[in-house]
Amino acid sequence: MAARRRERGTRGRLAALLNVPRGQPGPGLRGRARTWAVRWGPPLGAVLTGAVLIGGVAGWAVGLVGAYAVRRLARHGGPQGTDRARAAETARQLPLAADLLAACLGAGAGPREAAEAVGESLGGPVGDRLARTAAELRLGGEPAEAWGRLGAIPGAAALAGCLERAGATGAPAAEPVARLAEGFRANRARSAVARAQRAQVLITAPVGLCFLPAFLAVGVAPVVIGLASGLLTGD
């Protein structure tokens, strides 16, 4: 028991030093019920839908097949959706993080101090990585490895390299980081325009599927029926 108590104390001091939140208490009954509903609610709904709409053994079979498909889709699509959301949040935070870093560097702070201040105030995937990088440097970690982990974030390699050079050589980095922030904003604007153009193209597919049958039914079909009726009656 004494050894476990010392281990918990050591973990707590390490978490406080690295600015990492300590473990939270487990979820209560309401949290477990919500987790169960999120995990098993859609498959159960698919089973009940098949049983009510179709009925009989066939309805239960269709419901079970639908439940399996829903469960498989949730299992394989969940992590991908999380990764996409994290990538989108990273792309959104990079320009702001670069601007804040440039402001801190322009005010006379070093790269580590700037990363620590911005990471603690920004949060999110970029802010957490900046805070961890600053903590590693404060504990005496290898600068190349610490900044390299920051550069592992998609799109942040140039920013990490600039901060690493500034920390190693003492060269001013406020202006290069500000230019990188402008580049991040330009890239994000181009990505938004590209997504809008793709959406504009994809929208034409359902419009065509709705418009063409209506045009055939209202404009072409009556003409063809009239001509056929005239030919059959001899008029």
C-alpha atoms as a PDB file:
ATOM      1  CA  MET A   1       0.000   0.000   0.000  1.00  0.00           C
ATOM      2  CA  ALA A   2       2.850   2.388   0.763  1.00  0.00           C
ATOM      3  CA  ALA A   3       4.467   1.630  -2.593  1.00  0.00           C
ATOM      4  CA  ARG A   4       1.189   2.272  -4.446  1.00  0.00           C
ATOM      5  CA  ARG A   5       0.728   5.530  -2.531  1.00  0.00           C
ATOM      6  CA  ARG A   6       4.235   6.671  -3.505  1.00  0.00           C
ATOM      7  CA  GLU A   7       3.567   5.689  -7.136  1.00  0.00           C
ATOM      8  CA  ARG A   8       0.352   7.731  -7.217  1.00  0.00           C
ATOM      9  CA  GLY A   9       2.183  10.700  -5.708  1.00  0.00           C
ATOM     10  CA  THR A  10       4.940  10.429  -8.314  1.00  0.00           C
ATOM     11  CA  ARG A  11       2.385  10.283 -11.139  1.00  0.00           C
ATOM     12  CA  GLY A  12       0.591  13.306  -9.753  1.00  0.00           C
ATOM     13  CA  ARG A  13       3.777  15.373  -9.547  1.00  0.00           C
ATOM     14  CA  LEU A  14       4.768  14.319 -13.078  1.00  0.00           C
ATOM     15  CA  ALA A  15       1.328  15.228 -14.431  1.00  0.00           C
ATOM     16  CA  ALA A  16       1.525  18.639 -12.753  1.00  0.00           C
ATOM     17  CA  LEU A  17       5.024  19.225 -14.136  1.00  0.00           C
ATOM     18  CA  LEU A  18       4.022  18.257 -17.682  1.00  0.00           C
ATOM     19  CA  ASN A  19       0.720  20.134 -17.448  1.00  0.00           C
ATOM     20  CA  VAL A  20      -1.230  16.943 -18.163  1.00  0.00           C
ATOM     21  CA  PRO A  21      -4.693  16.555 -16.600  1.00  0.00           C
ATOM     22  CA  ARG A  22      -4.902  13.785 -14.033  1.00  0.00           C
ATOM     23  CA  GLY A  23      -7.304  10.881 -14.409  1.00  0.00           C
ATOM     24  CA  GLN A  24     -10.954  11.679 -13.899  1.00  0.00           C
ATOM     25  CA  PRO A  25     -13.282   9.514 -11.814  1.00  0.00           C
ATOM     26  CA  GLY A  26     -15.160   6.832 -13.683  1.00  0.00           C
ATOM     27  CA  PRO A  27     -18.573   7.605 -15.139  1.00  0.00           C
ATOM     28  CA  GLY A  28     -21.616   7.166 -12.970  1.00  0.00           C
ATOM     29  CA  LEU A  29     -24.809   5.253 -13.720  1.00  0.00           C
ATOM     30  CA  ARG A  30     -26.100   7.977 -16.025  1.00  0.00           C
ATOM     31  CA  GLY A  31     -22.830   8.084 -17.960  1.00  0.00           C
ATOM     32  CA  ARG A  32     -22.790   4.299 -18.371  1.00  0.00           C
ATOM     33  CA  ALA A  33     -26.403   4.351 -19.551  1.00  0.00           C
ATOM     34  CA  ARG A  34     -25.599   7.060 -22.098  1.00  0.00           C
ATOM     35  CA  THR A  35     -22.613   5.084 -23.351  1.00  0.00           C
ATOM     36  CA  TRP A  36     -24.743   1.948 -23.689  1.00  0.00           C
ATOM     37  CA  ALA A  37     -27.443   3.883 -25.564  1.00  0.00           C
ATOM     38  CA  VAL A  38     -24.934   5.410 -27.987  1.00  0.00           C
ATOM     39  CA  ARG A  39     -23.303   2.018 -28.645  1.00  0.00           C
ATOM     40  CA  TRP A  40     -26.337  -0.270 -28.860  1.00  0.00           C
ATOM     41  CA  GLY A  41     -29.219   2.118 -29.601  1.00  0.00           C
ATOM     42  CA  PRO A  42     -28.825   2.203 -33.424  1.00  0.00           C
ATOM     43  CA  PRO A  43     -28.507  -1.614 -33.828  1.00  0.00           C
ATOM     44  CA  LEU A  44     -31.514  -2.170 -31.560  1.00  0.00           C
ATOM     45  CA  GLY A  45     -33.465   0.422 -33.552  1.00  0.00           C
ATOM     46  CA  ALA A  46     -32.601  -1.390 -36.793  1.00  0.00           C
ATOM     47  CA  VAL A  47     -33.860  -4.710 -35.375  1.00  0.00           C
ATOM     48  CA  LEU A  48     -37.127  -3.178 -34.158  1.00  0.00           C
ATOM     49  CA  THR A  49     -37.649  -1.329 -37.451  1.00  0.00           C
ATOM     50  CA  GLY A  50     -37.317  -4.528 -39.457  1.00  0.00           C
ATOM     51  CA  ALA A  51     -39.604  -6.424 -37.077  1.00  0.00           C
ATOM     52  CA  VAL A  52     -42.322  -3.727 -37.151  1.00  0.00           C
ATOM     53  CA  LEU A  53     -42.274  -2.803 -40.840  1.00  0.00           C
ATOM     54  CA  ILE A  54     -41.876  -6.304 -42.296  1.00  0.00           C
ATOM     55  CA  GLY A  55     -42.930  -8.603 -39.473  1.00  0.00           C
ATOM     56  CA  GLY A  56     -42.459 -12.275 -39.003  1.00  0.00           C
ATOM     57  CA  VAL A  57     -39.248 -14.196 -39.319  1.00  0.00           C
ATOM     58  CA  ALA A  58     -38.260 -12.197 -42.412  1.00  0.00           C
ATOM     59  CA  GLY A  59     -38.611  -8.940 -40.479  1.00  0.00           C
ATOM     60  CA  TRP A  60     -36.413 -10.170 -37.648  1.00  0.00           C
ATOM     61  CA  ALA A  61     -33.843 -11.453 -40.166  1.00  0.00           C
ATOM     62  CA  VAL A  62     -33.792  -8.130 -42.020  1.00  0.00           C
ATOM     63  CA  GLY A  63     -33.536  -6.296 -38.699  1.00  0.00           C
ATOM     64  CA  LEU A  64     -30.582  -8.401 -37.568  1.00  0.00           C
ATOM     65  CA  VAL A  65     -28.817  -7.852 -40.887  1.00  0.00           C
ATOM     66  CA  GLY A  66     -29.431  -4.109 -40.595  1.00  0.00           C
ATOM     67  CA  ALA A  67     -28.177  -4.104 -36.999  1.00  0.00           C
ATOM     68  CA  TYR A  68     -24.993  -5.862 -38.053  1.00  0.00           C
ATOM     69  CA  ALA A  69     -24.475  -3.344 -40.877  1.00  0.00           C
ATOM     70  CA  VAL A  70     -25.091  -0.365 -38.565  1.00  0.00           C
ATOM     71  CA  ARG A  71     -22.745  -1.754 -35.918  1.00  0.00           C
ATOM     72  CA  ARG A  72     -20.023  -2.482 -38.463  1.00  0.00           C
ATOM     73  CA  LEU A  73     -20.376   0.992 -39.989  1.00  0.00           C
ATOM     74  CA  ALA A  74     -20.142   2.636 -36.570  1.00  0.00           C
ATOM     75  CA  ARG A  75     -17.085   0.556 -35.637  1.00  0.00           C
ATOM     76  CA  HIS A  76     -15.177   1.367 -38.819  1.00  0.00           C
ATOM     77  CA  GLY A  77     -16.409   4.904 -39.360  1.00  0.00           C
ATOM     78  CA  GLY A  78     -15.974   6.181 -35.807  1.00  0.00           C
ATOM     79  CA  PRO A  79     -12.178   6.491 -35.668  1.00  0.00           C
ATOM     80  CA  GLN A  80     -12.050   7.867 -39.210  1.00  0.00           C
ATOM     81  CA  GLY A  81     -14.581  10.535 -38.290  1.00  0.00           C
ATOM     82  CA  THR A  82     -12.546  11.405 -35.207  1.00  0.00           C
ATOM     83  CA  ASP A  83      -9.374  11.662 -37.280  1.00  0.00           C
ATOM     84  CA  ARG A  84     -11.090  13.919 -39.809  1.00  0.00           C
ATOM     85  CA  ALA A  85     -12.431  16.159 -37.054  1.00  0.00           C
ATOM     86  CA  ARG A  86      -8.982  16.336 -35.449  1.00  0.00           C
ATOM     87  CA  ALA A  87      -7.363  17.184 -38.802  1.00  0.00           C
ATOM     88  CA  ALA A  88      -9.943  19.921 -39.412  1.00  0.00           C
ATOM     89  CA  GLU A  89      -9.368  21.363 -35.923  1.00  0.00           C
ATOM     90  CA  THR A  90      -5.597  21.282 -36.498  1.00  0.00           C
ATOM     91  CA  ALA A  91      -5.931  23.142 -39.819  1.00  0.00           C
ATOM     92  CA  ARG A  92      -8.153  25.711 -38.120  1.00  0.00           C
ATOM     93  CA  GLN A  93      -5.736  26.266 -35.221  1.00  0.00           C
ATOM     94  CA  LEU A  94      -2.452  26.470 -37.120  1.00  0.00           C
ATOM     95  CA  PRO A  95      -2.840  30.070 -38.435  1.00  0.00           C
ATOM     96  CA  LEU A  96      -3.916  31.364 -35.017  1.00  0.00           C
ATOM     97  CA  ALA A  97      -1.116  29.484 -33.244  1.00  0.00           C
ATOM     98  CA  ALA A  98       1.470  30.888 -35.664  1.00  0.00           C
ATOM     99  CA  ASP A  99       0.136  34.430 -35.148  1.00  0.00           C
ATOM    100  CA  LEU A 100       0.297  34.072 -31.369  1.00  0.00           C
ATOM    101  CA  LEU A 101       3.797  32.603 -31.541  1.00  0.00           C
ATOM    102  CA  ALA A 102       4.931  35.495 -33.752  1.00  0.00           C
ATOM    103  CA  ALA A 103       3.493  37.979 -31.260  1.00  0.00           C
ATOM    104  CA  CYS A 104       5.265  36.303 -28.330  1.00  0.00           C
ATOM    105  CA  LEU A 105       8.556  36.104 -30.224  1.00  0.00           C
ATOM    106  CA  GLY A 106       8.234  39.736 -31.264  1.00  0.00           C
ATOM    107  CA  ALA A 107       7.740  40.695 -27.614  1.00  0.00           C
ATOM    108  CA  GLY A 108      11.117  39.128 -26.735  1.00  0.00           C
ATOM    109  CA  ALA A 109      10.130  35.639 -25.584  1.00  0.00           C
ATOM    110  CA  GLY A 110      12.204  32.627 -26.572  1.00  0.00           C
ATOM    111  CA  PRO A 111      10.775  29.774 -28.644  1.00  0.00           C
ATOM    112  CA  ARG A 112      10.195  27.579 -25.587  1.00  0.00           C
ATOM    113  CA  GLU A 113       8.518  30.334 -23.611  1.00  0.00           C
ATOM    114  CA  ALA A 114       6.377  31.289 -26.604  1.00  0.00           C
ATOM    115  CA  ALA A 115       5.335  27.663 -27.166  1.00  0.00           C
ATOM    116  CA  GLU A 116       4.452  27.275 -23.499  1.00  0.00           C
ATOM    117  CA  ALA A 117       2.364  30.454 -23.370  1.00  0.00           C
ATOM    118  CA  VAL A 118       0.527  29.740 -26.618  1.00  0.00           C
ATOM    119  CA  GLY A 119      -0.024  26.070 -25.784  1.00  0.00           C
ATOM    120  CA  GLU A 120      -1.541  26.803 -22.375  1.00  0.00           C
ATOM    121  CA  SER A 121      -3.859  29.489 -23.774  1.00  0.00           C
ATOM    122  CA  LEU A 122      -4.849  27.838 -27.068  1.00  0.00           C
ATOM    123  CA  GLY A 123      -5.632  24.217 -26.174  1.00  0.00           C
ATOM    124  CA  GLY A 124      -6.773  21.748 -28.804  1.00  0.00           C
ATOM    125  CA  PRO A 125      -4.442  19.452 -30.760  1.00  0.00           C
ATOM    126  CA  VAL A 126      -1.968  22.209 -31.689  1.00  0.00           C
ATOM    127  CA  GLY A 127      -2.016  23.834 -28.265  1.00  0.00           C
ATOM    128  CA  ASP A 128      -1.536  20.533 -26.456  1.00  0.00           C
ATOM    129  CA  ARG A 129       1.436  19.654 -28.657  1.00  0.00           C
ATOM    130  CA  LEU A 130       3.009  23.078 -28.102  1.00  0.00           C
ATOM    131  CA  ALA A 131       2.588  22.721 -24.317  1.00  0.00           C
ATOM    132  CA  ARG A 132       4.111  19.217 -24.350  1.00  0.00           C
ATOM    133  CA  THR A 133       7.024  20.407 -26.477  1.00  0.00           C
ATOM    134  CA  ALA A 134       7.716  23.248 -24.052  1.00  0.00           C
ATOM    135  CA  ALA A 135       7.512  20.838 -21.107  1.00  0.00           C
ATOM    136  CA  GLU A 136       9.987  18.448 -22.750  1.00  0.00           C
ATOM    137  CA  LEU A 137      12.415  21.289 -23.409  1.00  0.00           C
ATOM    138  CA  ARG A 138      12.064  22.553 -19.848  1.00  0.00           C
ATOM    139  CA  LEU A 139      12.909  19.076 -18.556  1.00  0.00           C
ATOM    140  CA  GLY A 140      16.063  18.973 -20.673  1.00  0.00           C
ATOM    141  CA  GLY A 141      14.799  16.991 -23.658  1.00  0.00           C
ATOM    142  CA  GLU A 142      16.592  16.968 -26.997  1.00  0.00           C
ATOM    143  CA  PRO A 143      15.393  20.046 -28.935  1.00  0.00           C
ATOM    144  CA  ALA A 144      15.436  18.265 -32.309  1.00  0.00           C
ATOM    145  CA  GLU A 145      13.213  15.462 -31.019  1.00  0.00           C
ATOM    146  CA  ALA A 146      10.862  17.796 -29.135  1.00  0.00           C
ATOM    147  CA  TRP A 147      10.340  20.150 -32.083  1.00  0.00           C
ATOM    148  CA  GLY A 148      10.207  17.138 -34.408  1.00  0.00           C
ATOM    149  CA  ARG A 149       7.148  15.842 -32.572  1.00  0.00           C
ATOM    150  CA  LEU A 150       5.542  19.240 -33.112  1.00  0.00           C
ATOM    151  CA  GLY A 151       6.433  18.982 -36.794  1.00  0.00           C
ATOM    152  CA  ALA A 152       4.650  15.622 -36.973  1.00  0.00           C
ATOM    153  CA  ILE A 153       1.370  17.563 -36.937  1.00  0.00           C
ATOM    154  CA  PRO A 154       0.146  17.819 -40.562  1.00  0.00           C
ATOM    155  CA  GLY A 155       1.271  21.162 -41.970  1.00  0.00           C
ATOM    156  CA  ALA A 156       3.399  22.189 -38.958  1.00  0.00           C
ATOM    157  CA  ALA A 157       6.799  20.953 -40.157  1.00  0.00           C
ATOM    158  CA  ALA A 158       7.939  24.391 -41.375  1.00  0.00           C
ATOM    159  CA  LEU A 159       6.771  26.042 -38.142  1.00  0.00           C
ATOM    160  CA  ALA A 160       8.603  23.488 -35.990  1.00  0.00           C
ATOM    161  CA  GLY A 161      11.782  23.867 -38.063  1.00  0.00           C
ATOM    162  CA  CYS A 162      11.685  27.649 -37.741  1.00  0.00           C
ATOM    163  CA  LEU A 163      11.271  27.476 -33.955  1.00  0.00           C
ATOM    164  CA  GLU A 164      14.028  24.874 -33.658  1.00  0.00           C
ATOM    165  CA  ARG A 165      16.488  27.055 -35.619  1.00  0.00           C
ATOM    166  CA  ALA A 166      15.576  30.076 -33.545  1.00  0.00           C
ATOM    167  CA  GLY A 167      16.146  28.167 -30.318  1.00  0.00           C
ATOM    168  CA  ALA A 168      19.481  26.754 -31.488  1.00  0.00           C
ATOM    169  CA  THR A 169      20.975  29.879 -33.090  1.00  0.00           C
ATOM    170  CA  GLY A 170      19.134  32.725 -31.387  1.00  0.00           C
ATOM    171  CA  ALA A 171      18.079  34.146 -34.766  1.00  0.00           C
ATOM    172  CA  PRO A 172      14.914  36.294 -34.761  1.00  0.00           C
ATOM    173  CA  ALA A 173      11.905  34.210 -35.718  1.00  0.00           C
ATOM    174  CA  ALA A 174       8.961  36.601 -35.346  1.00  0.00           C
ATOM    175  CA  GLU A 175       8.883  37.641 -39.010  1.00  0.00           C
ATOM    176  CA  PRO A 176       9.326  34.121 -40.486  1.00  0.00           C
ATOM    177  CA  VAL A 177       6.614  32.751 -38.192  1.00  0.00           C
ATOM    178  CA  ALA A 178       4.292  35.590 -39.216  1.00  0.00           C
ATOM    179  CA  ARG A 179       4.893  34.706 -42.878  1.00  0.00           C
ATOM    180  CA  LEU A 180       4.095  31.084 -42.107  1.00  0.00           C
ATOM    181  CA  ALA A 181       0.820  32.197 -40.500  1.00  0.00           C
ATOM    182  CA  GLU A 182      -0.105  34.039 -43.704  1.00  0.00           C
ATOM    183  CA  GLY A 183       0.726  30.911 -45.695  1.00  0.00           C
ATOM    184  CA  PHE A 184      -1.452  28.770 -43.398  1.00  0.00           C
ATOM    185  CA  ARG A 185      -4.390  31.130 -43.900  1.00  0.00           C
ATOM    186  CA  ALA A 186      -3.902  31.131 -47.676  1.00  0.00           C
ATOM    187  CA  ASN A 187      -3.779  27.332 -47.781  1.00  0.00           C
ATOM    188  CA  ARG A 188      -6.919  27.092 -45.694  1.00  0.00           C
ATOM    189  CA  ALA A 189      -8.710  29.558 -47.970  1.00  0.00           C
ATOM    190  CA  ARG A 190      -7.712  27.542 -51.048  1.00  0.00           C
ATOM    191  CA  SER A 191      -8.939  24.333 -49.403  1.00  0.00           C
ATOM    192  CA  ALA A 192     -12.270  25.972 -48.607  1.00  0.00           C
ATOM    193  CA  VAL A 193     -12.667  27.137 -52.214  1.00  0.00           C
ATOM    194  CA  ALA A 194     -11.833  23.644 -53.487  1.00  0.00           C
ATOM    195  CA  ARG A 195     -14.409  22.069 -51.159  1.00  0.00           C
ATOM    196  CA  ALA A 196     -17.035  24.562 -52.298  1.00  0.00           C
ATOM    197  CA  GLN A 197     -16.316  23.765 -55.939  1.00  0.00           C
ATOM    198  CA  ARG A 198     -16.565  20.026 -55.298  1.00  0.00           C
ATOM    199  CA  ALA A 199     -19.860  20.535 -53.475  1.00  0.00           C
ATOM    200  CA  GLN A 200     -21.177  22.579 -56.386  1.00  0.00           C
ATOM    201  CA  VAL A 201     -20.356  19.741 -58.768  1.00  0.00           C
ATOM    202  CA  LEU A 202     -21.835  17.066 -56.501  1.00  0.00           C
ATOM    203  CA  ILE A 203     -25.062  19.019 -56.088  1.00  0.00           C
ATOM    204  CA  THR A 204     -25.807  18.631 -59.815  1.00  0.00           C
ATOM    205  CA  ALA A 205     -26.219  14.843 -59.437  1.00  0.00           C
ATOM    206  CA  PRO A 206     -29.361  14.851 -57.222  1.00  0.00           C
ATOM    207  CA  VAL A 207     -30.733  17.822 -59.171  1.00  0.00           C
ATOM    208  CA  GLY A 208     -30.356  15.839 -62.391  1.00  0.00           C
ATOM    209  CA  LEU A 209     -31.930  12.747 -60.837  1.00  0.00           C
ATOM    210  CA  CYS A 210     -34.942  14.808 -59.797  1.00  0.00           C
ATOM    211  CA  PHE A 211     -35.259  16.992 -62.910  1.00  0.00           C
ATOM    212  CA  LEU A 212     -34.814  14.438 -65.702  1.00  0.00           C
ATOM    213  CA  PRO A 213     -37.596  12.032 -64.628  1.00  0.00           C
ATOM    214  CA  ALA A 214     -39.938  14.989 -64.125  1.00  0.00           C
ATOM    215  CA  PHE A 215     -39.082  16.382 -67.550  1.00  0.00           C
ATOM    216  CA  LEU A 216     -39.655  12.984 -69.184  1.00  0.00           C
ATOM    217  CA  ALA A 217     -42.942  12.457 -67.334  1.00  0.00           C
ATOM    218  CA  VAL A 218     -44.363  15.957 -67.935  1.00  0.00           C
ATOM    219  CA  GLY A 219     -42.815  17.042 -71.247  1.00  0.00           C
ATOM    220  CA  VAL A 220     -41.889  13.985 -73.291  1.00  0.00           C
ATOM    221  CA  ALA A 221     -44.300  11.266 -72.177  1.00  0.00           C
ATOM    222  CA  PRO A 222     -47.522  13.138 -73.152  1.00  0.00           C
ATOM    223  CA  VAL A 223     -46.152  13.875 -76.632  1.00  0.00           C
ATOM    224  CA  VAL A 224     -45.122  10.256 -77.186  1.00  0.00           C
ATOM    225  CA  ILE A 225     -48.464   8.984 -75.879  1.00  0.00           C
ATOM    226  CA  GLY A 226     -50.343  11.404 -78.161  1.00  0.00           C
ATOM    227  CA  LEU A 227     -48.342  10.364 -81.226  1.00  0.00           C
ATOM    228  CA  ALA A 228     -48.769   6.684 -80.425  1.00  0.00           C
ATOM    229  CA  SER A 229     -52.488   7.113 -79.864  1.00  0.00           C
ATOM    230  CA  GLY A 230     -52.819   8.907 -83.222  1.00  0.00           C
ATOM    231  CA  LEU A 231     -50.923   6.218 -85.069  1.00  0.00           C
ATOM    232  CA  LEU A 232     -52.947   3.428 -83.484  1.00  0.00           C
ATOM    233  CA  THR A 233     -56.292   5.064 -84.265  1.00  0.00           C
ATOM    234  CA  GLY A 234     -55.300   5.952 -87.804  1.00  0.00           C
ATOM    235  CA  ASP A 235     -55.532   9.739 -87.291  1.00  0.00           C
END
